[in-house]
Protein backbone atom coordinates (compact mmCIF):
# COMPACT_ATOMS: atom_id res chain seq x y z
CA UNK A 1 109.65 59.05 79.59
CA UNK A 2 108.08 58.64 82.82
CA UNK A 3 107.61 61.54 85.26
CA UNK A 4 110.43 60.52 87.73
CA UNK A 5 112.59 59.58 84.85
CA UNK A 6 112.28 63.21 83.48
CA UNK A 7 112.94 64.59 86.76
CA UNK A 8 116.01 62.67 87.32
CA UNK A 9 117.20 63.67 84.00
CA UNK A 10 116.52 67.14 84.92
CA UNK A 11 118.47 66.92 88.23
CA UNK A 12 121.45 65.17 86.52
CA UNK A 13 121.47 68.10 83.69
CA UNK A 14 121.37 70.57 86.27
CA UNK A 15 124.23 69.01 88.41
CA UNK A 16 126.17 68.64 84.99
CA UNK A 17 125.78 72.26 84.02
CA UNK A 18 126.82 73.34 87.72
CA UNK A 19 129.51 70.99 87.99
CA UNK A 20 131.15 72.01 84.68
CA UNK A 21 131.59 75.64 86.14
CA UNK A 22 134.74 76.79 87.98
CA UNK A 23 133.89 77.09 91.85
CA UNK A 24 133.96 80.92 92.48
CA UNK A 25 133.09 80.25 96.41
CA UNK A 26 133.86 77.91 98.70
CA UNK A 27 132.63 77.71 102.16
CA UNK A 28 133.74 74.81 104.56
CA UNK A 29 132.36 74.15 108.18
CA UNK A 30 131.47 77.82 108.73
CA UNK A 31 130.74 78.84 112.19
CA UNK A 32 129.21 82.17 113.09
CA UNK A 33 128.16 83.22 116.83
CA UNK A 34 126.59 86.48 118.05
CA UNK A 35 127.80 86.39 121.81
CA UNK A 36 126.55 83.11 123.14
CA UNK A 37 124.15 82.73 120.22
CA UNK A 38 125.29 80.38 117.17
CA UNK A 39 123.99 82.11 113.98
CA UNK A 40 125.86 79.63 111.56
CA UNK A 41 126.58 76.35 112.12
CA UNK A 42 128.96 74.18 110.17
CA UNK A 43 127.95 75.68 106.76
CA UNK A 44 129.26 73.93 103.76
CA UNK A 45 128.51 75.32 100.46
CA UNK A 46 130.21 75.51 96.93
CA UNK A 47 129.12 78.09 94.39
CA UNK A 48 129.95 77.73 90.69
CA UNK A 49 130.81 80.51 88.45
CA UNK A 50 127.77 81.79 86.89
CA UNK A 51 125.44 79.78 89.31
CA UNK A 52 122.28 81.52 90.70
CA UNK A 53 121.19 80.72 94.03
CA UNK A 54 118.12 81.52 96.00
CA UNK A 55 118.29 81.29 99.61
CA UNK A 56 115.17 81.07 101.77
CA UNK A 57 113.96 80.39 105.17
CA UNK A 58 112.21 81.76 108.35
CA UNK A 59 113.23 84.75 110.20
CA UNK A 60 116.40 84.41 112.05
CA UNK A 61 117.49 81.33 110.30
CA UNK A 62 120.96 82.80 109.35
CA UNK A 63 120.10 83.51 105.70
CA UNK A 64 121.46 87.30 105.72
CA UNK A 65 124.20 86.54 108.22
CA UNK A 66 125.68 84.01 105.68
CA UNK A 67 125.73 86.26 102.49
CA UNK A 68 127.23 88.99 104.55
CA UNK A 69 130.03 86.80 105.97
CA UNK A 70 130.82 86.29 102.04
CA UNK A 71 132.23 89.85 101.74
CA UNK A 72 133.01 90.02 105.47
CA UNK A 73 130.49 92.69 106.48
CA UNK A 74 130.12 90.01 109.12
CA UNK A 75 133.07 88.34 110.88
CA UNK A 76 132.90 84.64 111.45
CA UNK A 77 134.66 82.69 114.07
CA UNK A 78 135.66 79.34 112.58
CA UNK A 79 135.80 77.74 109.31
CA UNK A 80 137.10 78.54 105.89
CA UNK A 81 135.62 80.86 103.23
CA UNK A 82 137.39 81.50 99.83
CA UNK A 83 136.06 83.94 97.22
CA UNK A 84 137.76 83.72 93.58
CA UNK A 85 140.44 81.82 95.42
CA UNK A 86 141.04 84.40 97.89
CA UNK A 87 140.86 83.37 101.67
CA UNK A 88 138.95 85.73 103.64
CA UNK A 89 140.35 84.55 106.77
CA UNK A 90 143.92 85.88 105.74
CA UNK A 91 144.01 89.38 106.59
CA UNK A 92 142.03 92.83 105.65
CA UNK A 93 144.08 92.95 102.52
CA UNK A 94 142.36 90.14 101.21
CA UNK A 95 139.05 91.34 102.47
CA UNK A 96 139.50 94.82 100.36
CA UNK A 97 140.21 92.59 97.34
CA UNK A 98 137.13 90.39 97.76
CA UNK A 99 134.83 93.63 98.39
CA UNK A 100 135.98 95.08 95.01
CA UNK A 101 134.88 92.12 93.24
CA UNK A 102 131.54 91.31 95.06
CA UNK A 103 128.46 93.58 94.64
CA UNK A 104 125.67 93.59 97.49
CA UNK A 105 122.21 94.89 97.26
CA UNK A 106 120.63 95.78 100.86
CA UNK A 107 117.02 95.61 101.96
CA UNK A 108 117.34 99.43 102.28
CA UNK A 109 119.03 101.04 99.55
CA UNK A 110 121.77 102.78 101.35
CA UNK A 111 122.05 105.72 98.79
CA UNK A 112 123.83 108.94 99.68
CA UNK A 113 120.79 111.32 100.05
CA UNK A 114 123.25 114.58 99.54
CA UNK A 115 124.65 113.04 95.75
CA UNK A 116 122.57 112.60 92.89
CA UNK A 117 121.85 109.30 91.26
CA UNK A 118 124.91 109.28 89.00
CA UNK A 119 127.20 110.47 91.63
CA UNK A 120 126.27 107.54 93.70
CA UNK A 121 127.01 105.35 91.12
CA UNK A 122 130.36 107.14 90.05
CA UNK A 123 131.74 107.23 93.78
CA UNK A 124 133.05 103.87 93.90
CA UNK A 125 134.66 103.68 90.66
CA UNK A 126 136.53 106.87 91.20
CA UNK A 127 137.74 105.74 94.88
CA UNK A 128 138.44 102.24 94.41
CA UNK A 129 139.28 101.75 90.70
CA UNK A 130 140.80 105.00 90.18
CA UNK A 131 138.60 105.93 87.44
CA UNK A 132 138.65 109.48 86.24
CA UNK A 133 135.34 111.41 86.48
CA UNK A 134 134.56 111.04 82.68
CA UNK A 135 134.97 107.21 82.88
CA UNK A 136 132.87 106.88 86.09
CA UNK A 137 130.05 108.75 84.61
CA UNK A 138 130.13 106.89 81.24
CA UNK A 139 130.25 103.63 83.25
CA UNK A 140 127.41 105.01 85.79
CA UNK A 141 125.27 105.92 82.31
CA UNK A 142 125.89 102.59 80.84
CA UNK A 143 124.35 100.68 83.96
CA UNK A 144 121.56 103.12 84.81
CA UNK A 145 120.42 102.56 81.14
CA UNK A 146 120.91 98.91 82.01
CA UNK A 147 118.66 99.14 84.73
CA UNK A 148 116.36 101.20 82.57
CA UNK A 149 116.53 104.88 84.46
CA UNK A 150 119.14 106.75 82.56
CA UNK A 151 116.55 109.54 83.02
CA UNK A 152 116.81 109.83 86.61
CA UNK A 153 120.47 110.45 86.63
CA UNK A 154 120.66 113.74 88.01
CA UNK A 155 118.07 113.47 90.46
CA UNK A 156 118.46 112.95 93.98
CA UNK A 157 117.23 109.59 95.98
CA UNK A 158 114.52 111.45 97.40
CA UNK A 159 112.90 112.24 94.15
CA UNK A 160 112.75 108.66 93.06
CA UNK A 161 110.40 105.66 94.15
CA UNK A 162 111.46 102.95 96.31
CA UNK A 163 111.58 100.69 93.16
CA UNK A 164 113.83 103.15 91.29
CA UNK A 165 116.05 103.74 94.36
CA UNK A 166 116.41 99.93 94.49
CA UNK A 167 117.41 99.95 90.85
CA UNK A 168 120.16 102.47 91.45
CA UNK A 169 121.57 100.47 94.15
CA UNK A 170 121.84 97.58 91.67
CA UNK A 171 123.24 99.76 89.28
CA UNK A 172 125.78 101.37 91.60
CA UNK A 173 126.92 97.60 92.42
CA UNK A 174 127.26 96.73 88.62
CA UNK A 175 129.30 100.02 88.14
CA UNK A 176 132.33 97.81 90.01
CA UNK A 177 132.10 95.20 87.21
CA UNK A 178 131.77 92.70 90.10
CA UNK A 179 132.24 88.89 89.67
CA UNK A 180 129.46 88.26 92.05
CA UNK A 181 126.29 89.88 93.22
CA UNK A 182 124.78 89.30 96.72
CA UNK A 183 121.08 90.45 97.11
CA UNK A 184 119.73 90.63 100.90
CA UNK A 185 115.92 90.69 100.51
CA UNK A 186 116.02 93.33 97.96
CA UNK A 187 112.28 93.63 97.63
CA UNK A 188 111.14 93.32 101.13
CA UNK A 189 111.13 97.22 101.91
CA UNK A 190 109.08 97.89 98.62
CA UNK A 191 105.43 98.59 98.12
CA UNK A 192 104.16 95.69 96.20
CA UNK A 193 103.58 97.45 92.84
CA UNK A 194 107.43 98.26 93.05
CA UNK A 195 108.62 94.66 93.60
CA UNK A 196 108.08 93.67 89.63
CA UNK A 197 110.32 96.16 88.28
CA UNK A 198 113.48 95.05 90.74
CA UNK A 199 112.61 91.36 90.12
CA UNK A 200 112.72 92.25 86.52
CA UNK A 201 116.16 93.64 86.61
CA UNK A 202 117.50 91.04 88.60
CA UNK A 203 115.71 88.44 85.99
CA UNK A 204 117.86 90.41 83.34
CA UNK A 205 121.17 89.97 85.16
CA UNK A 206 120.54 86.37 85.94
CA UNK A 207 119.91 86.07 82.04
CA UNK A 208 123.47 87.64 81.39
CA UNK A 209 125.26 84.95 83.36
CA UNK A 210 125.91 86.86 86.71
CA UNK A 211 126.94 84.61 89.64
CA UNK A 212 124.02 85.72 92.25
CA UNK A 213 123.15 84.73 95.76
CA UNK A 214 119.74 85.96 96.77
CA UNK A 215 118.11 85.98 100.04
CA UNK A 216 114.23 86.34 99.26
CA UNK A 217 110.94 85.09 99.68
CA UNK A 218 109.91 85.53 96.17
CA UNK A 219 109.33 82.01 95.38
CA UNK A 220 108.10 83.04 91.79
CA UNK A 221 111.51 84.56 91.02
CA UNK A 222 113.39 81.36 92.50
CA UNK A 223 111.35 79.11 90.30
CA UNK A 224 112.46 81.13 87.16
CA UNK A 225 115.84 82.16 87.93
CA UNK A 226 117.47 79.90 90.45
CA UNK A 227 119.81 77.11 89.65
CA UNK A 228 119.76 75.91 93.08
CA UNK A 229 117.16 76.76 96.17
CA UNK A 230 118.72 76.65 99.56
CA UNK A 231 116.45 76.39 102.62
CA UNK A 232 118.06 77.53 105.84
CA UNK A 233 116.71 77.16 109.46
CA UNK A 234 118.34 77.64 112.79
CA UNK A 235 121.78 78.52 111.35
CA UNK A 236 121.81 75.32 109.22
CA UNK A 237 121.27 74.35 105.36
CA UNK A 238 118.65 71.93 105.83
CA UNK A 239 117.81 71.27 101.88
CA UNK A 240 118.73 72.25 98.84
CA UNK A 241 118.01 71.45 95.29
CA UNK A 242 117.10 72.53 91.62
CA UNK A 243 113.77 74.31 91.86
CA UNK A 244 111.33 71.69 90.37
CA UNK A 245 112.24 69.07 92.97
CA UNK A 246 112.74 71.60 95.71
CA UNK A 247 109.25 72.91 95.42
CA UNK A 248 107.40 69.75 94.24
CA UNK A 249 109.04 67.23 96.51
CA UNK A 250 110.73 68.62 99.60
CA UNK A 251 112.56 66.26 101.68
CA UNK A 252 112.72 67.72 105.10
CA UNK A 253 109.79 68.36 107.24
CA UNK A 254 111.10 71.78 108.23
CA UNK A 255 111.29 72.44 104.53
CA UNK A 256 107.89 71.41 103.98
CA UNK A 257 106.36 73.50 106.97
CA UNK A 258 108.05 76.39 105.60
CA UNK A 259 106.88 76.16 102.01
CA UNK A 260 103.60 75.30 103.06
CA UNK A 261 103.43 78.78 104.87
CA UNK A 262 104.79 80.84 101.98
CA UNK A 263 103.04 79.13 99.04
CA UNK A 264 99.36 79.43 100.22
């Protein structure tokens, strides 16, 4: 088989894999303004259940704004956005329903400093899922074990390293048993030596089949984990594709310029 034939076969295989799954996110002609500045322009995107997507692009390209629209941390002005069949433009009840099913991990860890690690993880299941204290603690310990820090359960966030705090943030999101995980540059606030432990945790989630959208410049992670890589610039999706073709043969000049800066 020639190199081109092998590449075409790989792309077809990836497309078949994605096409066989059920759409869990559907975005149609999404528009978002901040005052007179248009942050998102005609975004169209379908995400399949179990698909792992990495979104990259220069600062200010709309990456974080896009994933924040998915759980309505940002409002959008036009277009349509459905998450697991729920229309986010149809009232606050729908927004609350979506937020209960979508976990999000931010650049900053956003842990409550006055609560212990396990208490941070127990809070949402008790408040939103109405779990009792014992159930919530069992769930919290399950996911703290999943991210390999059960021994830190009774410490406070300030007693942990940045990498450990980010893993707590991931465990906290998992405690709600989300259908989708959103990551907004989860390693950008970490010292380099702490990045690996967080990425390893995320790779484990990806291997478990979690639907993931991750805004990141960690292109090694994209190569290893992503089913699809999306490049955004100036509020638009400029290019997307499976990792091999995206990195080896980018079609758009803006994509080539961006990759030339971050890969060298």
